[in-house]
PDB file of N, CA and C in Angstrom:
ATOM      1  N   UNK A   1      50.497 -51.752 129.692  1.00  0.00           N
ATOM      2  CA  UNK A   1      51.891 -51.895 129.321  1.00  0.00           C
ATOM      3  C   UNK A   1      52.012 -52.167 127.825  1.00  0.00           C
ATOM      4  N   UNK A   2      53.072 -51.730 127.273  1.00  0.00           N
ATOM      5  CA  UNK A   2      53.305 -52.018 125.865  1.00  0.00           C
ATOM      6  C   UNK A   2      54.239 -53.200 125.743  1.00  0.00           C
ATOM      7  N   UNK A   3      53.991 -53.936 124.709  1.00  0.00           N
ATOM      8  CA  UNK A   3      54.813 -55.121 124.472  1.00  0.00           C
ATOM      9  C   UNK A   3      55.884 -54.776 123.450  1.00  0.00           C
ATOM     10  N   UNK A   4      57.109 -55.062 123.757  1.00  0.00           N
ATOM     11  CA  UNK A   4      58.195 -54.776 122.822  1.00  0.00           C
ATOM     12  C   UNK A   4      58.732 -56.081 122.264  1.00  0.00           C
ATOM     13  N   UNK A   5      59.118 -56.007 121.020  1.00  0.00           N
ATOM     14  CA  UNK A   5      59.686 -57.187 120.362  1.00  0.00           C
ATOM     15  C   UNK A   5      61.159 -56.941 120.125  1.00  0.00           C
ATOM     16  N   UNK A   6      61.906 -57.967 120.280  1.00  0.00           N
ATOM     17  CA  UNK A   6      63.339 -57.820 120.045  1.00  0.00           C
ATOM     18  C   UNK A   6      63.595 -57.743 118.549  1.00  0.00           C
ATOM     19  N   UNK A   7      64.565 -56.962 118.117  1.00  0.00           N
ATOM     20  CA  UNK A   7      64.828 -56.810 116.684  1.00  0.00           C
ATOM     21  C   UNK A   7      65.331 -58.090 116.030  1.00  0.00           C
ATOM     22  N   UNK A   8      65.665 -59.086 116.824  1.00  0.00           N
ATOM     23  CA  UNK A   8      66.196 -60.306 116.227  1.00  0.00           C
ATOM     24  C   UNK A   8      65.143 -61.398 116.108  1.00  0.00           C
ATOM     25  N   UNK A   9      63.832 -61.014 116.118  1.00  0.00           N
ATOM     26  CA  UNK A   9      62.805 -62.042 115.980  1.00  0.00           C
ATOM     27  C   UNK A   9      62.866 -62.629 114.575  1.00  0.00           C
ATOM     28  N   UNK A  10      62.399 -63.835 114.444  1.00  0.00           N
ATOM     29  CA  UNK A  10      62.555 -64.553 113.173  1.00  0.00           C
ATOM     30  C   UNK A  10      61.773 -63.912 112.034  1.00  0.00           C
ATOM     31  N   UNK A  11      60.645 -63.227 112.329  1.00  0.00           N
ATOM     32  CA  UNK A  11      59.860 -62.629 111.253  1.00  0.00           C
ATOM     33  C   UNK A  11      60.503 -61.368 110.694  1.00  0.00           C
ATOM     34  N   UNK A  12      61.443 -60.777 111.411  1.00  0.00           N
ATOM     35  CA  UNK A  12      62.062 -59.540 110.950  1.00  0.00           C
ATOM     36  C   UNK A  12      63.459 -59.748 110.385  1.00  0.00           C
ATOM     37  N   UNK A  13      63.938 -60.945 110.382  1.00  0.00           N
ATOM     38  CA  UNK A  13      65.285 -61.202 109.857  1.00  0.00           C
ATOM     39  C   UNK A  13      65.282 -61.095 108.343  1.00  0.00           C
ATOM     40  N   UNK A  14      66.398 -60.703 107.825  1.00  0.00           N
ATOM     41  CA  UNK A  14      66.553 -60.650 106.375  1.00  0.00           C
ATOM     42  C   UNK A  14      66.728 -62.068 105.853  1.00  0.00           C
ATOM     43  N   UNK A  15      66.260 -62.334 104.638  1.00  0.00           N
ATOM     44  CA  UNK A  15      66.418 -63.687 104.102  1.00  0.00           C
ATOM     45  C   UNK A  15      67.888 -64.043 103.903  1.00  0.00           C
ATOM     46  N   UNK A  16      68.184 -65.285 104.114  1.00  0.00           N
ATOM     47  CA  UNK A  16      69.561 -65.730 103.928  1.00  0.00           C
ATOM     48  C   UNK A  16      69.846 -65.891 102.448  1.00  0.00           C
ATOM     49  N   UNK A  17      71.091 -66.046 102.117  1.00  0.00           N
ATOM     50  CA  UNK A  17      71.495 -66.209 100.725  1.00  0.00           C
ATOM     51  C   UNK A  17      70.841 -67.449 100.108  1.00  0.00           C
ATOM     52  N   UNK A  18      70.666 -68.516 100.916  1.00  0.00           N
ATOM     53  CA  UNK A  18      70.073 -69.744 100.393  1.00  0.00           C
ATOM     54  C   UNK A  18      68.585 -69.563 100.101  1.00  0.00           C
ATOM     55  N   UNK A  19      67.917 -68.618 100.772  1.00  0.00           N
ATOM     56  CA  UNK A  19      66.488 -68.420 100.604  1.00  0.00           C
ATOM     57  C   UNK A  19      66.117 -67.583  99.392  1.00  0.00           C
ATOM     58  N   UNK A  20      67.083 -66.983  98.758  1.00  0.00           N
ATOM     59  CA  UNK A  20      66.798 -66.120  97.616  1.00  0.00           C
ATOM     60  C   UNK A  20      66.755 -66.932  96.333  1.00  0.00           C
ATOM     61  N   UNK A  21      65.995 -66.406  95.363  1.00  0.00           N
ATOM     62  CA  UNK A  21      65.935 -67.066  94.061  1.00  0.00           C
ATOM     63  C   UNK A  21      66.957 -66.433  93.129  1.00  0.00           C
ATOM     64  N   UNK A  22      67.306 -67.160  92.111  1.00  0.00           N
ATOM     65  CA  UNK A  22      68.258 -66.623  91.141  1.00  0.00           C
ATOM     66  C   UNK A  22      67.521 -65.695  90.180  1.00  0.00           C
ATOM     67  N   UNK A  23      68.257 -64.875  89.480  1.00  0.00           N
ATOM     68  CA  UNK A  23      67.674 -63.929  88.542  1.00  0.00           C
ATOM     69  C   UNK A  23      66.933 -64.630  87.402  1.00  0.00           C
ATOM     70  N   UNK A  24      67.502 -65.674  86.776  1.00  0.00           N
ATOM     71  CA  UNK A  24      66.749 -66.361  85.720  1.00  0.00           C
ATOM     72  C   UNK A  24      65.443 -66.979  86.235  1.00  0.00           C
ATOM     73  N   UNK A  25      65.467 -67.529  87.446  1.00  0.00           N
ATOM     74  CA  UNK A  25      64.247 -68.100  88.018  1.00  0.00           C
ATOM     75  C   UNK A  25      63.214 -67.009  88.254  1.00  0.00           C
ATOM     76  N   UNK A  26      63.658 -65.851  88.702  1.00  0.00           N
ATOM     77  CA  UNK A  26      62.748 -64.728  88.918  1.00  0.00           C
ATOM     78  C   UNK A  26      62.058 -64.350  87.615  1.00  0.00           C
ATOM     79  N   UNK A  27      62.820 -64.225  86.523  1.00  0.00           N
ATOM     80  CA  UNK A  27      62.229 -63.848  85.243  1.00  0.00           C
ATOM     81  C   UNK A  27      61.286 -64.927  84.724  1.00  0.00           C
ATOM     82  N   UNK A  28      61.614 -66.188  84.939  1.00  0.00           N
ATOM     83  CA  UNK A  28      60.698 -67.262  84.538  1.00  0.00           C
ATOM     84  C   UNK A  28      59.392 -67.173  85.316  1.00  0.00           C
ATOM     85  N   UNK A  29      59.478 -66.849  86.589  1.00  0.00           N
ATOM     86  CA  UNK A  29      58.272 -66.718  87.400  1.00  0.00           C
ATOM     87  C   UNK A  29      57.441 -65.507  86.971  1.00  0.00           C
ATOM     88  N   UNK A  30      58.108 -64.420  86.616  1.00  0.00           N
ATOM     89  CA  UNK A  30      57.395 -63.236  86.141  1.00  0.00           C
ATOM     90  C   UNK A  30      56.654 -63.556  84.855  1.00  0.00           C
ATOM     91  N   UNK A  31      57.312 -64.224  83.923  1.00  0.00           N
ATOM     92  CA  UNK A  31      56.677 -64.587  82.654  1.00  0.00           C
ATOM     93  C   UNK A  31      55.512 -65.535  82.894  1.00  0.00           C
ATOM     94  N   UNK A  32      55.674 -66.483  83.804  1.00  0.00           N
ATOM     95  CA  UNK A  32      54.589 -67.415  84.122  1.00  0.00           C
ATOM     96  C   UNK A  32      53.385 -66.669  84.693  1.00  0.00           C
ATOM     97  N   UNK A  33      53.628 -65.669  85.528  1.00  0.00           N
ATOM     98  CA  UNK A  33      52.520 -64.897  86.095  1.00  0.00           C
ATOM     99  C   UNK A  33      51.857 -64.035  85.027  1.00  0.00           C
ATOM    100  N   UNK A  34      52.648 -63.475  84.102  1.00  0.00           N
ATOM    101  CA  UNK A  34      52.067 -62.655  83.038  1.00  0.00           C
ATOM    102  C   UNK A  34      51.201 -63.482  82.102  1.00  0.00           C
ATOM    103  N   UNK A  35      51.498 -64.761  81.962  1.00  0.00           N
ATOM    104  CA  UNK A  35      50.663 -65.625  81.126  1.00  0.00           C
ATOM    105  C   UNK A  35      49.297 -65.861  81.749  1.00  0.00           C
ATOM    106  N   UNK A  36      49.186 -65.702  83.053  1.00  0.00           N
ATOM    107  CA  UNK A  36      47.910 -65.896  83.748  1.00  0.00           C
ATOM    108  C   UNK A  36      46.982 -64.686  83.626  1.00  0.00           C
ATOM    109  N   UNK A  37      47.542 -63.550  83.214  1.00  0.00           N
ATOM    110  CA  UNK A  37      46.760 -62.317  83.143  1.00  0.00           C
ATOM    111  C   UNK A  37      45.742 -62.421  82.020  1.00  0.00           C
ATOM    112  N   UNK A  38      44.515 -61.970  82.302  1.00  0.00           N
ATOM    113  CA  UNK A  38      43.489 -61.905  81.262  1.00  0.00           C
ATOM    114  C   UNK A  38      43.577 -60.506  80.657  1.00  0.00           C
ATOM    115  N   UNK A  39      44.127 -60.428  79.461  1.00  0.00           N
ATOM    116  CA  UNK A  39      44.337 -59.148  78.817  1.00  0.00           C
ATOM    117  C   UNK A  39      43.040 -58.675  78.177  1.00  0.00           C
ATOM    118  N   UNK A  40      42.763 -57.350  78.180  1.00  0.00           N
ATOM    119  CA  UNK A  40      41.531 -56.848  77.567  1.00  0.00           C
ATOM    120  C   UNK A  40      41.599 -56.947  76.046  1.00  0.00           C
ATOM    121  N   UNK A  41      40.411 -57.097  75.447  1.00  0.00           N
ATOM    122  CA  UNK A  41      40.339 -57.107  73.983  1.00  0.00           C
ATOM    123  C   UNK A  41      40.530 -55.672  73.484  1.00  0.00           C
ATOM    124  N   UNK A  42      40.680 -55.533  72.179  1.00  0.00           N
ATOM    125  CA  UNK A  42      40.865 -54.197  71.610  1.00  0.00           C
ATOM    126  C   UNK A  42      39.637 -53.327  71.883  1.00  0.00           C
ATOM    127  N   UNK A  43      38.437 -53.898  71.751  1.00  0.00           N
ATOM    128  CA  UNK A  43      37.217 -53.126  72.006  1.00  0.00           C
ATOM    129  C   UNK A  43      37.147 -52.662  73.462  1.00  0.00           C
ATOM    130  N   UNK A  44      37.496 -53.545  74.385  1.00  0.00           N
ATOM    131  CA  UNK A  44      37.494 -53.164  75.794  1.00  0.00           C
ATOM    132  C   UNK A  44      38.521 -52.070  76.052  1.00  0.00           C
ATOM    133  N   UNK A  45      39.679 -52.205  75.432  1.00  0.00           N
ATOM    134  CA  UNK A  45      40.739 -51.220  75.626  1.00  0.00           C
ATOM    135  C   UNK A  45      40.311 -49.848  75.111  1.00  0.00           C
ATOM    136  N   UNK A  46      39.676 -49.811  73.949  1.00  0.00           N
ATOM    137  CA  UNK A  46      39.195 -48.545  73.393  1.00  0.00           C
ATOM    138  C   UNK A  46      38.130 -47.949  74.307  1.00  0.00           C
ATOM    139  N   UNK A  47      37.223 -48.793  74.808  1.00  0.00           N
ATOM    140  CA  UNK A  47      36.174 -48.314  75.708  1.00  0.00           C
ATOM    141  C   UNK A  47      36.770 -47.739  76.984  1.00  0.00           C
ATOM    142  N   UNK A  48      37.694 -48.455  77.591  1.00  0.00           N
ATOM    143  CA  UNK A  48      38.335 -47.974  78.819  1.00  0.00           C
ATOM    144  C   UNK A  48      39.076 -46.665  78.567  1.00  0.00           C
ATOM    145  N   UNK A  49      39.770 -46.586  77.436  1.00  0.00           N
ATOM    146  CA  UNK A  49      40.511 -45.378  77.097  1.00  0.00           C
ATOM    147  C   UNK A  49      39.568 -44.189  76.958  1.00  0.00           C
ATOM    148  N   UNK A  50      38.444 -44.390  76.280  1.00  0.00           N
ATOM    149  CA  UNK A  50      37.494 -43.302  76.073  1.00  0.00           C
ATOM    150  C   UNK A  50      36.871 -42.852  77.398  1.00  0.00           C
ATOM    151  N   UNK A  51      36.558 -43.796  78.268  1.00  0.00           N
ATOM    152  CA  UNK A  51      35.991 -43.444  79.575  1.00  0.00           C
ATOM    153  C   UNK A  51      36.986 -42.607  80.366  1.00  0.00           C
ATOM    154  N   UNK A  52      38.234 -43.018  80.385  1.00  0.00           N
ATOM    155  CA  UNK A  52      39.261 -42.270  81.119  1.00  0.00           C
ATOM    156  C   UNK A  52      39.469 -40.898  80.486  1.00  0.00           C
ATOM    157  N   UNK A  53      39.500 -40.825  79.171  1.00  0.00           N
ATOM    158  CA  UNK A  53      39.696 -39.549  78.486  1.00  0.00           C
ATOM    159  C   UNK A  53      38.557 -38.579  78.796  1.00  0.00           C
ATOM    160  N   UNK A  54      37.316 -39.048  78.732  1.00  0.00           N
ATOM    161  CA  UNK A  54      36.165 -38.190  79.032  1.00  0.00           C
ATOM    162  C   UNK A  54      36.219 -37.728  80.488  1.00  0.00           C
ATOM    163  N   UNK A  55      36.552 -38.632  81.395  1.00  0.00           N
ATOM    164  CA  UNK A  55      36.640 -38.263  82.809  1.00  0.00           C
ATOM    165  C   UNK A  55      37.718 -37.206  83.032  1.00  0.00           C
ATOM    166  N   UNK A  56      38.874 -37.373  82.422  1.00  0.00           N
ATOM    167  CA  UNK A  56      39.967 -36.408  82.591  1.00  0.00           C
ATOM    168  C   UNK A  56      39.569 -35.051  82.012  1.00  0.00           C
ATOM    169  N   UNK A  57      38.931 -35.044  80.847  1.00  0.00           N
ATOM    170  CA  UNK A  57      38.494 -33.776  80.262  1.00  0.00           C
ATOM    171  C   UNK A  57      37.447 -33.100  81.143  1.00  0.00           C
ATOM    172  N   UNK A  58      36.533 -33.891  81.715  1.00  0.00           N
ATOM    173  CA  UNK A  58      35.534 -33.343  82.630  1.00  0.00           C
ATOM    174  C   UNK A  58      36.211 -32.723  83.852  1.00  0.00           C
ATOM    175  N   UNK A  59      37.186 -33.402  84.412  1.00  0.00           N
ATOM    176  CA  UNK A  59      37.878 -32.886  85.596  1.00  0.00           C
ATOM    177  C   UNK A  59      38.670 -31.617  85.262  1.00  0.00           C
ATOM    178  N   UNK A  60      39.265 -31.565  84.071  1.00  0.00           N
ATOM    179  CA  UNK A  60      39.983 -30.358  83.648  1.00  0.00           C
ATOM    180  C   UNK A  60      39.016 -29.184  83.567  1.00  0.00           C
ATOM    181  N   UNK A  61      37.847 -29.411  82.960  1.00  0.00           N
ATOM    182  CA  UNK A  61      36.851 -28.348  82.842  1.00  0.00           C
ATOM    183  C   UNK A  61      36.356 -27.911  84.218  1.00  0.00           C
ATOM    184  N   UNK A  62      36.099 -28.867  85.102  1.00  0.00           N
ATOM    185  CA  UNK A  62      35.601 -28.566  86.449  1.00  0.00           C
ATOM    186  C   UNK A  62      36.611 -27.735  87.241  1.00  0.00           C
ATOM    187  N   UNK A  63      37.854 -28.142  87.240  1.00  0.00           N
ATOM    188  CA  UNK A  63      38.886 -27.414  87.983  1.00  0.00           C
ATOM    189  C   UNK A  63      39.130 -26.041  87.349  1.00  0.00           C
ATOM    190  N   UNK A  64      39.069 -25.962  86.033  1.00  0.00           N
ATOM    191  CA  UNK A  64      39.253 -24.666  85.365  1.00  0.00           C
ATOM    192  C   UNK A  64      38.138 -23.698  85.741  1.00  0.00           C
ATOM    193  N   UNK A  65      36.893 -24.198  85.790  1.00  0.00           N
ATOM    194  CA  UNK A  65      35.777 -23.342  86.188  1.00  0.00           C
ATOM    195  C   UNK A  65      35.908 -22.903  87.648  1.00  0.00           C
ATOM    196  N   UNK A  66      36.319 -23.809  88.516  1.00  0.00           N
ATOM    197  CA  UNK A  66      36.549 -23.435  89.912  1.00  0.00           C
ATOM    198  C   UNK A  66      37.634 -22.364  90.010  1.00  0.00           C
ATOM    199  N   UNK A  67      38.705 -22.543  89.274  1.00  0.00           N
ATOM    200  CA  UNK A  67      39.806 -21.584  89.291  1.00  0.00           C
ATOM    201  C   UNK A  67      39.335 -20.219  88.797  1.00  0.00           C
ATOM    202  N   UNK A  68      38.568 -20.220  87.708  1.00  0.00           N
ATOM    203  CA  UNK A  68      38.049 -18.964  87.165  1.00  0.00           C
ATOM    204  C   UNK A  68      37.117 -18.286  88.168  1.00  0.00           C
ATOM    205  N   UNK A  69      36.265 -19.081  88.806  1.00  0.00           N
ATOM    206  CA  UNK A  69      35.333 -18.521  89.786  1.00  0.00           C
ATOM    207  C   UNK A  69      36.049 -17.932  90.982  1.00  0.00           C
ATOM    208  N   UNK A  70      37.009 -18.659  91.537  1.00  0.00           N
ATOM    209  CA  UNK A  70      37.761 -18.139  92.678  1.00  0.00           C
ATOM    210  C   UNK A  70      38.591 -16.918  92.286  1.00  0.00           C
ATOM    211  N   UNK A  71      39.142 -16.933  91.087  1.00  0.00           N
ATOM    212  CA  UNK A  71      39.927 -15.799  90.606  1.00  0.00           C
ATOM    213  C   UNK A  71      39.040 -14.563  90.484  1.00  0.00           C
ATOM    214  N   UNK A  72      37.862 -14.736  89.911  1.00  0.00           N
ATOM    215  CA  UNK A  72      36.932 -13.611  89.774  1.00  0.00           C
ATOM    216  C   UNK A  72      36.505 -13.091  91.141  1.00  0.00           C
ATOM    217  N   UNK A  73      36.228 -13.992  92.069  1.00  0.00           N
ATOM    218  CA  UNK A  73      35.817 -13.585  93.417  1.00  0.00           C
ATOM    219  C   UNK A  73      36.932 -12.816  94.113  1.00  0.00           C
ATOM    220  N   UNK A  74      38.161 -13.242  93.967  1.00  0.00           N
ATOM    221  CA  UNK A  74      39.282 -12.556  94.610  1.00  0.00           C
ATOM    222  C   UNK A  74      39.474 -11.156  94.035  1.00  0.00           C
ATOM    223  N   UNK A  75      39.299 -11.007  92.713  1.00  0.00           N
ATOM    224  CA  UNK A  75      39.453  -9.680  92.114  1.00  0.00           C
ATOM    225  C   UNK A  75      38.325  -8.753  92.545  1.00  0.00           C
ATOM    226  N   UNK A  76      37.102  -9.295  92.728  1.00  0.00           N
ATOM    227  CA  UNK A  76      35.996  -8.455  93.187  1.00  0.00           C
ATOM    228  C   UNK A  76      36.172  -8.060  94.650  1.00  0.00           C
ATOM    229  N   UNK A  77      36.699  -8.973  95.459  1.00  0.00           N
ATOM    230  CA  UNK A  77      36.861  -8.688  96.886  1.00  0.00           C
ATOM    231  C   UNK A  77      38.044  -7.753  97.125  1.00  0.00           C
ATOM    232  N   UNK A  78      39.188  -8.072  96.538  1.00  0.00           N
ATOM    233  CA  UNK A  78      40.416  -7.326  96.827  1.00  0.00           C
ATOM    234  C   UNK A  78      40.783  -6.297  95.765  1.00  0.00           C
ATOM    235  N   UNK A  79      39.985  -6.197  94.725  1.00  0.00           N
ATOM    236  CA  UNK A  79      40.173  -5.153  93.759  1.00  0.00           C
ATOM    237  C   UNK A  79      41.127  -5.424  92.709  1.00  0.00           C
TER     238      UNK A  79
END
């Protein structure tokens, strides 16, 4: 048998107006969380950027070669 839950269970109710935070409090909490972030140094950022750039260029070359190969095969097969 399957168990059904009623739509009015407490875990599925929408929060009440009293349970919500105000907009200024939300922004203060966001800023507080951003202060906890460990930001990368400039050297780390440059390294990460270069790794991503090389990977993207490699993937572009790989997909281009696959496309060229499949294109050539289709022209040889279908004329």
